[in-house]
Amino acid sequence: MSRNIAVIVGSLRKESFSRKLANALIPLARPALDLKLIEIGDLELYNEDTEKNPTRAWTAFRDAVRPVNAVLFVTPEYNRSVPGCLKNAVDVGSRPYGSSVWSGKPAAIISNSPGAIGGFGANHHLRQSLVFLDMPVMQQPEAYISGSNKLVDDDGKIIEDSKREFLTKFMQSFGDWIEDTAMA
């Protein structure tokens, strides 16, 4: 059975390393997982004053996330944390209070960076927010992808065999973990 998975990319840049990585994951996840990128670039900054009359972008985003089986976050690290656009998307999806689109949805995180640490800080900051939002987050394997500036070729394929194999196993583990979480 194929599971519908929302992919939230924590970078707005059209040619971002995170976006390239997210797109390269789509064929690696099939047929068990059907990955669909949900855009966050049009989301206005969360402001509770707007909640009585939510913006069209907020409503569309919430409606896109609500029916999925799980969420995969693919994010770079900005200043040892998550990019502001990603935190904003998490906040928009968590409101209004008591109506979070995130609650109970299994999640996984792949952080990445051109540097050697692979976005470790962003990964762990995001985990902290997701756990608070009642999203069970896959614990193992963890994915901190270094060298993301040289990860994907012009055809959208992951260049290094070892990283492609790791990410294929990561996606398989995520699929298995979603099934286990759904049965619990």
N, C-alpha and C. Protein backbone atom coordinates (compact mmCIF):
# COMPACT_ATOMS: atom_id res chain seq x y z
N MET A 1 0.84 -1.17 0.00
CA MET A 1 0.00 0.00 0.00
C MET A 1 0.89 1.24 0.00
N SER A 2 0.67 2.13 -0.94
CA SER A 2 1.44 3.36 -1.03
C SER A 2 0.90 4.38 -0.03
N ARG A 3 1.79 5.06 0.64
CA ARG A 3 1.43 6.10 1.62
C ARG A 3 1.70 7.47 1.02
N ASN A 4 0.77 8.40 1.24
CA ASN A 4 0.94 9.78 0.78
C ASN A 4 1.76 10.55 1.81
N ILE A 5 2.88 11.07 1.35
CA ILE A 5 3.81 11.76 2.24
C ILE A 5 4.00 13.20 1.78
N ALA A 6 3.75 14.14 2.69
CA ALA A 6 4.05 15.54 2.42
C ALA A 6 5.54 15.75 2.63
N VAL A 7 6.16 16.44 1.70
CA VAL A 7 7.57 16.81 1.84
C VAL A 7 7.62 18.32 1.99
N ILE A 8 8.15 18.76 3.11
CA ILE A 8 8.29 20.19 3.39
C ILE A 8 9.77 20.53 3.28
N VAL A 9 10.09 21.38 2.34
CA VAL A 9 11.48 21.80 2.11
C VAL A 9 11.71 23.11 2.84
N GLY A 10 12.73 23.14 3.67
CA GLY A 10 13.02 24.30 4.51
C GLY A 10 13.85 25.37 3.84
N SER A 11 13.78 25.47 2.54
CA SER A 11 14.51 26.50 1.81
C SER A 11 13.61 27.01 0.70
N LEU A 12 13.63 28.31 0.48
CA LEU A 12 12.79 28.91 -0.55
C LEU A 12 13.48 29.04 -1.90
N ARG A 13 14.78 28.94 -1.91
CA ARG A 13 15.54 29.14 -3.15
C ARG A 13 15.19 28.04 -4.16
N LYS A 14 14.90 28.45 -5.38
CA LYS A 14 14.48 27.51 -6.43
C LYS A 14 15.50 26.40 -6.66
N GLU A 15 16.76 26.73 -6.62
CA GLU A 15 17.82 25.74 -6.86
C GLU A 15 18.51 25.32 -5.57
N SER A 16 17.78 25.35 -4.47
CA SER A 16 18.39 25.01 -3.19
C SER A 16 18.83 23.55 -3.16
N PHE A 17 19.84 23.29 -2.36
CA PHE A 17 20.34 21.92 -2.20
C PHE A 17 19.25 21.04 -1.57
N SER A 18 18.49 21.61 -0.64
CA SER A 18 17.41 20.85 0.00
C SER A 18 16.33 20.47 -1.00
N ARG A 19 15.96 21.38 -1.87
CA ARG A 19 14.93 21.10 -2.88
C ARG A 19 15.43 20.04 -3.86
N LYS A 20 16.68 20.15 -4.27
CA LYS A 20 17.25 19.14 -5.18
C LYS A 20 17.26 17.77 -4.51
N LEU A 21 17.63 17.73 -3.23
CA LEU A 21 17.64 16.48 -2.49
C LEU A 21 16.23 15.92 -2.37
N ALA A 22 15.27 16.76 -2.01
CA ALA A 22 13.88 16.30 -1.87
C ALA A 22 13.37 15.70 -3.18
N ASN A 23 13.65 16.35 -4.29
CA ASN A 23 13.21 15.82 -5.59
C ASN A 23 13.91 14.51 -5.93
N ALA A 24 15.19 14.39 -5.54
CA ALA A 24 15.93 13.15 -5.81
C ALA A 24 15.42 11.99 -4.98
N LEU A 25 14.76 12.28 -3.86
CA LEU A 25 14.23 11.22 -2.99
C LEU A 25 12.97 10.57 -3.57
N ILE A 26 12.25 11.29 -4.42
CA ILE A 26 10.96 10.79 -4.93
C ILE A 26 11.09 9.40 -5.56
N PRO A 27 12.02 9.19 -6.50
CA PRO A 27 12.12 7.84 -7.07
C PRO A 27 12.68 6.81 -6.09
N LEU A 28 13.47 7.24 -5.11
CA LEU A 28 14.03 6.31 -4.13
C LEU A 28 12.95 5.77 -3.19
N ALA A 29 11.88 6.52 -3.01
CA ALA A 29 10.84 6.16 -2.06
C ALA A 29 9.75 5.26 -2.67
N ARG A 30 9.66 5.26 -3.98
CA ARG A 30 8.60 4.49 -4.65
C ARG A 30 8.89 3.01 -4.60
N PRO A 31 7.91 2.16 -4.60
CA PRO A 31 6.47 2.43 -4.68
C PRO A 31 5.80 2.59 -3.33
N ALA A 32 6.51 2.36 -2.23
CA ALA A 32 5.87 2.36 -0.91
C ALA A 32 5.40 3.75 -0.48
N LEU A 33 6.16 4.78 -0.87
CA LEU A 33 5.83 6.14 -0.45
C LEU A 33 5.64 7.03 -1.67
N ASP A 34 4.57 7.79 -1.66
CA ASP A 34 4.27 8.75 -2.72
C ASP A 34 4.57 10.14 -2.16
N LEU A 35 5.75 10.66 -2.50
CA LEU A 35 6.18 11.95 -1.96
C LEU A 35 5.65 13.10 -2.80
N LYS A 36 5.11 14.12 -2.12
CA LYS A 36 4.63 15.33 -2.80
C LYS A 36 5.12 16.54 -2.04
N LEU A 37 5.86 17.40 -2.74
CA LEU A 37 6.35 18.61 -2.13
C LEU A 37 5.19 19.57 -1.90
N ILE A 38 5.12 20.12 -0.71
CA ILE A 38 4.14 21.14 -0.37
C ILE A 38 4.91 22.43 -0.14
N GLU A 39 4.60 23.42 -0.93
CA GLU A 39 5.35 24.68 -0.91
C GLU A 39 5.00 25.53 0.31
N ILE A 40 6.01 26.23 0.82
CA ILE A 40 5.82 27.09 1.98
C ILE A 40 6.17 28.55 1.69
N GLY A 41 6.62 28.84 0.50
CA GLY A 41 7.10 30.17 0.17
C GLY A 41 6.05 31.26 0.16
N ASP A 42 4.79 30.90 -0.02
CA ASP A 42 3.72 31.91 -0.07
C ASP A 42 3.07 32.15 1.29
N LEU A 43 3.51 31.43 2.31
CA LEU A 43 2.90 31.58 3.63
C LEU A 43 3.30 32.91 4.26
N GLU A 44 2.32 33.73 4.55
CA GLU A 44 2.59 34.97 5.28
C GLU A 44 3.04 34.59 6.69
N LEU A 45 3.79 35.48 7.33
CA LEU A 45 4.24 35.20 8.69
C LEU A 45 3.05 34.98 9.60
N TYR A 46 3.18 33.99 10.48
CA TYR A 46 2.08 33.69 11.37
C TYR A 46 1.85 34.86 12.32
N ASN A 47 0.58 35.25 12.43
CA ASN A 47 0.16 36.31 13.34
C ASN A 47 -1.21 35.89 13.85
N GLU A 48 -1.34 35.69 15.14
CA GLU A 48 -2.60 35.21 15.70
C GLU A 48 -3.77 36.14 15.39
N ASP A 49 -3.50 37.41 15.19
CA ASP A 49 -4.57 38.36 14.85
C ASP A 49 -5.25 37.99 13.53
N THR A 50 -4.52 37.30 12.66
CA THR A 50 -5.06 36.93 11.35
C THR A 50 -5.88 35.64 11.42
N GLU A 51 -5.80 34.94 12.52
CA GLU A 51 -6.43 33.62 12.63
C GLU A 51 -7.94 33.64 12.45
N LYS A 52 -8.61 34.72 12.84
CA LYS A 52 -10.07 34.79 12.67
C LYS A 52 -10.46 34.82 11.20
N ASN A 53 -9.57 35.29 10.37
CA ASN A 53 -9.79 35.34 8.92
C ASN A 53 -8.49 34.89 8.24
N PRO A 54 -8.19 33.56 8.29
CA PRO A 54 -6.89 33.09 7.79
C PRO A 54 -6.70 33.41 6.31
N THR A 55 -5.46 33.63 5.96
CA THR A 55 -5.15 33.95 4.57
C THR A 55 -5.40 32.73 3.67
N ARG A 56 -5.54 33.00 2.41
CA ARG A 56 -5.75 31.93 1.43
C ARG A 56 -4.57 30.95 1.44
N ALA A 57 -3.35 31.48 1.57
CA ALA A 57 -2.15 30.63 1.58
C ALA A 57 -2.15 29.72 2.81
N TRP A 58 -2.52 30.25 3.96
CA TRP A 58 -2.58 29.43 5.17
C TRP A 58 -3.57 28.29 4.99
N THR A 59 -4.76 28.62 4.49
CA THR A 59 -5.81 27.62 4.31
C THR A 59 -5.38 26.54 3.32
N ALA A 60 -4.78 26.95 2.21
CA ALA A 60 -4.32 25.98 1.20
C ALA A 60 -3.24 25.07 1.77
N PHE A 61 -2.32 25.64 2.53
CA PHE A 61 -1.25 24.85 3.15
C PHE A 61 -1.84 23.83 4.13
N ARG A 62 -2.69 24.27 5.00
CA ARG A 62 -3.31 23.38 5.99
C ARG A 62 -4.10 22.28 5.29
N ASP A 63 -4.84 22.65 4.25
CA ASP A 63 -5.63 21.66 3.50
C ASP A 63 -4.75 20.64 2.78
N ALA A 64 -3.55 21.06 2.37
CA ALA A 64 -2.63 20.13 1.70
C ALA A 64 -2.00 19.15 2.68
N VAL A 65 -1.72 19.59 3.89
CA VAL A 65 -1.06 18.74 4.89
C VAL A 65 -2.06 17.81 5.58
N ARG A 66 -3.25 18.29 5.84
CA ARG A 66 -4.23 17.55 6.64
C ARG A 66 -4.43 16.10 6.19
N PRO A 67 -4.61 15.79 4.89
CA PRO A 67 -4.94 14.40 4.51
C PRO A 67 -3.74 13.45 4.38
N VAL A 68 -2.51 13.92 4.49
CA VAL A 68 -1.36 13.04 4.24
C VAL A 68 -1.17 12.06 5.40
N ASN A 69 -0.47 10.97 5.10
CA ASN A 69 -0.21 9.95 6.10
C ASN A 69 0.99 10.28 6.99
N ALA A 70 1.93 11.05 6.47
CA ALA A 70 3.15 11.36 7.22
C ALA A 70 3.82 12.57 6.57
N VAL A 71 4.86 13.07 7.23
CA VAL A 71 5.56 14.26 6.73
C VAL A 71 7.07 14.03 6.79
N LEU A 72 7.71 14.36 5.69
CA LEU A 72 9.17 14.34 5.61
C LEU A 72 9.65 15.78 5.50
N PHE A 73 10.51 16.19 6.40
CA PHE A 73 11.10 17.52 6.37
C PHE A 73 12.52 17.40 5.82
N VAL A 74 12.82 18.20 4.80
CA VAL A 74 14.17 18.24 4.23
C VAL A 74 14.64 19.68 4.37
N THR A 75 15.65 19.88 5.20
CA THR A 75 16.00 21.26 5.54
C THR A 75 17.49 21.52 5.62
N PRO A 76 17.88 22.73 5.24
CA PRO A 76 19.24 23.17 5.52
C PRO A 76 19.29 23.68 6.96
N GLU A 77 20.47 24.10 7.35
CA GLU A 77 20.66 24.69 8.67
C GLU A 77 21.04 26.15 8.48
N TYR A 78 20.34 27.03 9.18
CA TYR A 78 20.67 28.45 9.19
C TYR A 78 21.04 28.82 10.62
N ASN A 79 22.25 29.24 10.82
CA ASN A 79 22.69 29.70 12.14
C ASN A 79 22.42 28.69 13.24
N ARG A 80 22.72 27.42 12.97
CA ARG A 80 22.58 26.30 13.90
C ARG A 80 21.13 26.01 14.27
N SER A 81 20.20 26.41 13.41
CA SER A 81 18.79 26.16 13.66
C SER A 81 18.06 25.99 12.33
N VAL A 82 16.73 25.95 12.40
CA VAL A 82 15.92 25.81 11.19
C VAL A 82 15.74 27.17 10.53
N PRO A 83 15.58 27.20 9.22
CA PRO A 83 15.29 28.46 8.54
C PRO A 83 13.95 29.03 9.03
N GLY A 84 13.87 30.35 9.04
CA GLY A 84 12.65 31.02 9.50
C GLY A 84 11.41 30.60 8.72
N CYS A 85 11.55 30.37 7.42
CA CYS A 85 10.39 29.98 6.61
C CYS A 85 9.84 28.63 7.05
N LEU A 86 10.71 27.72 7.46
CA LEU A 86 10.25 26.42 7.93
C LEU A 86 9.57 26.53 9.28
N LYS A 87 10.16 27.29 10.18
CA LYS A 87 9.52 27.50 11.49
C LYS A 87 8.16 28.14 11.31
N ASN A 88 8.04 29.08 10.39
CA ASN A 88 6.75 29.72 10.12
C ASN A 88 5.74 28.70 9.62
N ALA A 89 6.15 27.80 8.73
CA ALA A 89 5.24 26.77 8.21
C ALA A 89 4.78 25.86 9.34
N VAL A 90 5.69 25.49 10.23
CA VAL A 90 5.33 24.66 11.38
C VAL A 90 4.30 25.40 12.23
N ASP A 91 4.52 26.69 12.46
CA ASP A 91 3.59 27.48 13.27
C ASP A 91 2.23 27.61 12.59
N VAL A 92 2.20 27.90 11.29
CA VAL A 92 0.94 28.04 10.56
C VAL A 92 0.14 26.74 10.64
N GLY A 93 0.82 25.60 10.47
CA GLY A 93 0.14 24.32 10.52
C GLY A 93 -0.35 23.93 11.90
N SER A 94 0.24 24.51 12.94
CA SER A 94 -0.11 24.14 14.31
C SER A 94 -1.31 24.90 14.86
N ARG A 95 -1.82 25.85 14.12
CA ARG A 95 -2.90 26.71 14.60
C ARG A 95 -4.13 26.58 13.73
N PRO A 96 -5.30 26.96 14.19
CA PRO A 96 -5.57 27.49 15.52
C PRO A 96 -5.43 26.40 16.58
N TYR A 97 -5.24 26.81 17.80
CA TYR A 97 -5.04 25.88 18.91
C TYR A 97 -6.13 24.81 18.88
N GLY A 98 -5.70 23.56 18.99
CA GLY A 98 -6.63 22.44 18.99
C GLY A 98 -6.95 21.90 17.61
N SER A 99 -6.44 22.55 16.56
CA SER A 99 -6.73 22.11 15.18
C SER A 99 -5.45 21.91 14.37
N SER A 100 -4.38 21.54 15.02
CA SER A 100 -3.10 21.35 14.34
C SER A 100 -3.19 20.28 13.25
N VAL A 101 -2.66 20.59 12.08
CA VAL A 101 -2.62 19.60 11.00
C VAL A 101 -1.50 18.59 11.22
N TRP A 102 -0.63 18.86 12.17
CA TRP A 102 0.52 17.99 12.43
C TRP A 102 0.21 16.86 13.40
N SER A 103 -0.72 17.06 14.28
CA SER A 103 -0.96 16.15 15.40
C SER A 103 -1.14 14.70 14.98
N GLY A 104 -0.29 13.84 15.54
CA GLY A 104 -0.35 12.41 15.28
C GLY A 104 0.30 11.94 13.99
N LYS A 105 0.76 12.84 13.15
CA LYS A 105 1.38 12.43 11.88
C LYS A 105 2.83 12.01 12.10
N PRO A 106 3.20 10.81 11.67
CA PRO A 106 4.60 10.41 11.75
C PRO A 106 5.47 11.34 10.90
N ALA A 107 6.67 11.59 11.37
CA ALA A 107 7.57 12.51 10.67
C ALA A 107 8.99 11.95 10.64
N ALA A 108 9.74 12.42 9.67
CA ALA A 108 11.18 12.16 9.60
C ALA A 108 11.84 13.45 9.13
N ILE A 109 13.12 13.57 9.46
CA ILE A 109 13.88 14.77 9.11
C ILE A 109 15.16 14.37 8.41
N ILE A 110 15.41 15.04 7.30
CA ILE A 110 16.72 14.94 6.63
C ILE A 110 17.27 16.35 6.59
N SER A 111 18.32 16.58 7.36
CA SER A 111 18.98 17.88 7.31
C SER A 111 20.21 17.76 6.42
N ASN A 112 20.60 18.88 5.85
CA ASN A 112 21.74 18.85 4.94
C ASN A 112 22.49 20.17 4.96
N SER A 113 23.74 20.08 4.57
CA SER A 113 24.61 21.24 4.55
C SER A 113 25.79 20.96 3.63
N PRO A 114 26.33 22.00 3.00
CA PRO A 114 27.57 21.80 2.26
C PRO A 114 28.72 21.42 3.19
N GLY A 115 28.61 21.80 4.45
CA GLY A 115 29.66 21.52 5.43
C GLY A 115 29.60 20.10 5.97
N ALA A 116 30.55 19.80 6.84
CA ALA A 116 30.73 18.44 7.34
C ALA A 116 29.69 18.00 8.37
N ILE A 117 29.04 18.93 9.06
CA ILE A 117 28.14 18.55 10.14
C ILE A 117 26.76 18.13 9.62
N GLY A 118 26.41 18.50 8.41
CA GLY A 118 25.18 18.03 7.79
C GLY A 118 23.89 18.58 8.39
N GLY A 119 23.95 19.76 8.97
CA GLY A 119 22.73 20.36 9.51
C GLY A 119 22.26 19.78 10.83
N PHE A 120 23.18 19.28 11.63
CA PHE A 120 22.85 18.66 12.91
C PHE A 120 21.98 19.56 13.79
N GLY A 121 22.34 20.83 13.90
CA GLY A 121 21.59 21.76 14.76
C GLY A 121 20.16 21.94 14.29
N ALA A 122 19.96 22.11 13.00
CA ALA A 122 18.60 22.27 12.46
C ALA A 122 17.78 21.01 12.71
N ASN A 123 18.38 19.88 12.52
CA ASN A 123 17.69 18.60 12.70
C ASN A 123 17.13 18.50 14.12
N HIS A 124 17.97 18.80 15.09
CA HIS A 124 17.56 18.65 16.48
C HIS A 124 16.62 19.75 16.94
N HIS A 125 16.77 20.96 16.44
CA HIS A 125 15.81 22.01 16.78
C HIS A 125 14.43 21.67 16.23
N LEU A 126 14.39 21.16 15.01
CA LEU A 126 13.11 20.80 14.41
C LEU A 126 12.47 19.64 15.18
N ARG A 127 13.26 18.65 15.56
CA ARG A 127 12.73 17.53 16.35
C ARG A 127 12.03 18.03 17.61
N GLN A 128 12.63 18.99 18.25
CA GLN A 128 12.07 19.52 19.50
C GLN A 128 10.67 20.09 19.25
N SER A 129 10.50 20.85 18.19
CA SER A 129 9.18 21.42 17.87
C SER A 129 8.18 20.33 17.49
N LEU A 130 8.63 19.36 16.69
CA LEU A 130 7.71 18.33 16.21
C LEU A 130 7.21 17.45 17.36
N VAL A 131 8.08 17.11 18.28
CA VAL A 131 7.66 16.32 19.43
C VAL A 131 6.60 17.08 20.23
N PHE A 132 6.81 18.38 20.42
CA PHE A 132 5.82 19.19 21.13
C PHE A 132 4.48 19.18 20.40
N LEU A 133 4.51 19.12 19.07
CA LEU A 133 3.28 19.14 18.26
C LEU A 133 2.65 17.77 18.10
N ASP A 134 3.07 16.80 18.89
CA ASP A 134 2.51 15.45 18.89
C ASP A 134 2.77 14.73 17.57
N MET A 135 3.93 14.95 17.00
CA MET A 135 4.34 14.22 15.80
C MET A 135 5.38 13.20 16.22
N PRO A 136 5.07 11.91 16.14
CA PRO A 136 6.11 10.94 16.42
C PRO A 136 7.21 11.06 15.35
N VAL A 137 8.43 11.27 15.79
CA VAL A 137 9.55 11.49 14.87
C VAL A 137 10.44 10.25 14.83
N MET A 138 10.70 9.75 13.62
CA MET A 138 11.55 8.57 13.48
C MET A 138 12.91 8.85 14.12
N GLN A 139 13.32 7.94 14.98
CA GLN A 139 14.58 8.11 15.70
C GLN A 139 15.80 7.58 14.94
N GLN A 140 15.64 6.44 14.28
CA GLN A 140 16.76 5.81 13.57
C GLN A 140 16.27 5.26 12.25
N PRO A 141 17.01 5.40 11.21
CA PRO A 141 18.30 6.10 11.15
C PRO A 141 18.10 7.61 11.15
N GLU A 142 19.09 8.32 11.62
CA GLU A 142 19.11 9.77 11.53
C GLU A 142 19.77 10.14 10.21
N ALA A 143 19.42 11.31 9.67
CA ALA A 143 20.00 11.72 8.39
C ALA A 143 20.53 13.14 8.47
N TYR A 144 21.85 13.24 8.55
CA TYR A 144 22.57 14.51 8.50
C TYR A 144 23.46 14.42 7.26
N ILE A 145 23.06 15.05 6.18
CA ILE A 145 23.74 14.88 4.90
C ILE A 145 24.73 16.01 4.68
N SER A 146 26.00 15.68 4.66
CA SER A 146 27.03 16.68 4.39
C SER A 146 27.31 16.72 2.89
N GLY A 147 27.99 17.78 2.45
CA GLY A 147 28.36 17.90 1.04
C GLY A 147 27.15 18.04 0.13
N SER A 148 26.08 18.66 0.61
CA SER A 148 24.86 18.74 -0.18
C SER A 148 25.01 19.60 -1.44
N ASN A 149 26.02 20.43 -1.48
CA ASN A 149 26.26 21.24 -2.68
C ASN A 149 26.80 20.40 -3.84
N LYS A 150 27.22 19.17 -3.57
CA LYS A 150 27.73 18.27 -4.61
C LYS A 150 27.00 16.93 -4.57
N LEU A 151 25.77 16.94 -4.09
CA LEU A 151 25.03 15.70 -3.87
C LEU A 151 24.23 15.23 -5.08
N VAL A 152 23.61 16.18 -5.79
CA VAL A 152 22.68 15.84 -6.87
C VAL A 152 23.23 16.38 -8.20
N ASP A 153 23.19 15.53 -9.23
CA ASP A 153 23.69 15.95 -10.54
C ASP A 153 22.62 16.74 -11.32
N ASP A 154 22.96 17.15 -12.53
CA ASP A 154 22.06 17.95 -13.35
C ASP A 154 20.81 17.19 -13.77
N ASP A 155 20.85 15.87 -13.70
CA ASP A 155 19.68 15.04 -14.03
C ASP A 155 18.81 14.75 -12.81
N GLY A 156 19.17 15.32 -11.66
CA GLY A 156 18.38 15.13 -10.45
C GLY A 156 18.65 13.84 -9.71
N LYS A 157 19.79 13.22 -9.98
CA LYS A 157 20.13 11.95 -9.34
C LYS A 157 21.24 12.17 -8.30
N ILE A 158 21.19 11.39 -7.24
CA ILE A 158 22.22 11.47 -6.20
C ILE A 158 23.49 10.85 -6.75
N ILE A 159 24.57 11.60 -6.70
CA ILE A 159 25.82 11.23 -7.35
C ILE A 159 26.55 10.09 -6.64
N GLU A 160 26.77 10.23 -5.35
CA GLU A 160 27.57 9.25 -4.60
C GLU A 160 26.76 8.00 -4.30
N ASP A 161 27.31 6.86 -4.66
CA ASP A 161 26.63 5.58 -4.41
C ASP A 161 26.32 5.39 -2.93
N SER A 162 27.27 5.70 -2.06
CA SER A 162 27.06 5.46 -0.63
C SER A 162 25.93 6.32 -0.08
N LYS A 163 25.83 7.57 -0.52
CA LYS A 163 24.74 8.43 -0.04
C LYS A 163 23.40 8.01 -0.64
N ARG A 164 23.41 7.60 -1.90
CA ARG A 164 22.17 7.12 -2.53
C ARG A 164 21.68 5.86 -1.81
N GLU A 165 22.59 4.95 -1.51
CA GLU A 165 22.22 3.72 -0.79
C GLU A 165 21.69 4.05 0.61
N PHE A 166 22.37 4.96 1.31
CA PHE A 166 21.92 5.36 2.64
C PHE A 166 20.52 5.97 2.58
N LEU A 167 20.30 6.89 1.64
CA LEU A 167 19.00 7.55 1.55
C LEU A 167 17.90 6.60 1.10
N THR A 168 18.24 5.62 0.27
CA THR A 168 17.25 4.59 -0.11
C THR A 168 16.85 3.80 1.14
N LYS A 169 17.83 3.41 1.94
CA LYS A 169 17.54 2.67 3.18
C LYS A 169 16.76 3.55 4.16
N PHE A 170 17.10 4.83 4.21
CA PHE A 170 16.39 5.77 5.08
C PHE A 170 14.92 5.81 4.69
N MET A 171 14.64 5.93 3.40
CA MET A 171 13.25 6.01 2.94
C MET A 171 12.51 4.70 3.20
N GLN A 172 13.20 3.57 3.02
CA GLN A 172 12.58 2.27 3.33
C GLN A 172 12.27 2.17 4.83
N SER A 173 13.20 2.62 5.65
CA SER A 173 12.98 2.61 7.10
C SER A 173 11.82 3.52 7.47
N PHE A 174 11.73 4.67 6.81
CA PHE A 174 10.63 5.60 7.08
C PHE A 174 9.29 4.94 6.73
N GLY A 175 9.23 4.28 5.58
CA GLY A 175 8.01 3.58 5.20
C GLY A 175 7.62 2.51 6.20
N ASP A 176 8.59 1.71 6.63
CA ASP A 176 8.34 0.67 7.63
C ASP A 176 7.88 1.28 8.95
N TRP A 177 8.53 2.37 9.33
CA TRP A 177 8.22 3.03 10.59
C TRP A 177 6.81 3.64 10.57
N ILE A 178 6.41 4.19 9.43
CA ILE A 178 5.05 4.72 9.30
C ILE A 178 4.04 3.59 9.51
N GLU A 179 4.29 2.45 8.90
CA GLU A 179 3.40 1.30 9.07
C GLU A 179 3.33 0.88 10.53
N ASP A 180 4.48 0.78 11.19
CA ASP A 180 4.52 0.38 12.60
C ASP A 180 3.78 1.40 13.47
N THR A 181 3.95 2.68 13.17
CA THR A 181 3.30 3.74 13.94
C THR A 181 1.79 3.69 13.73
N ALA A 182 1.35 3.42 12.51
CA ALA A 182 -0.08 3.35 12.22
C ALA A 182 -0.75 2.19 12.95
N MET A 183 0.00 1.12 13.17
CA MET A 183 -0.57 -0.05 13.83
C MET A 183 -0.56 0.07 15.35
N ALA A 184 0.25 0.97 15.86
CA ALA A 184 0.38 1.11 17.33
C ALA A 184 -0.86 1.72 17.95
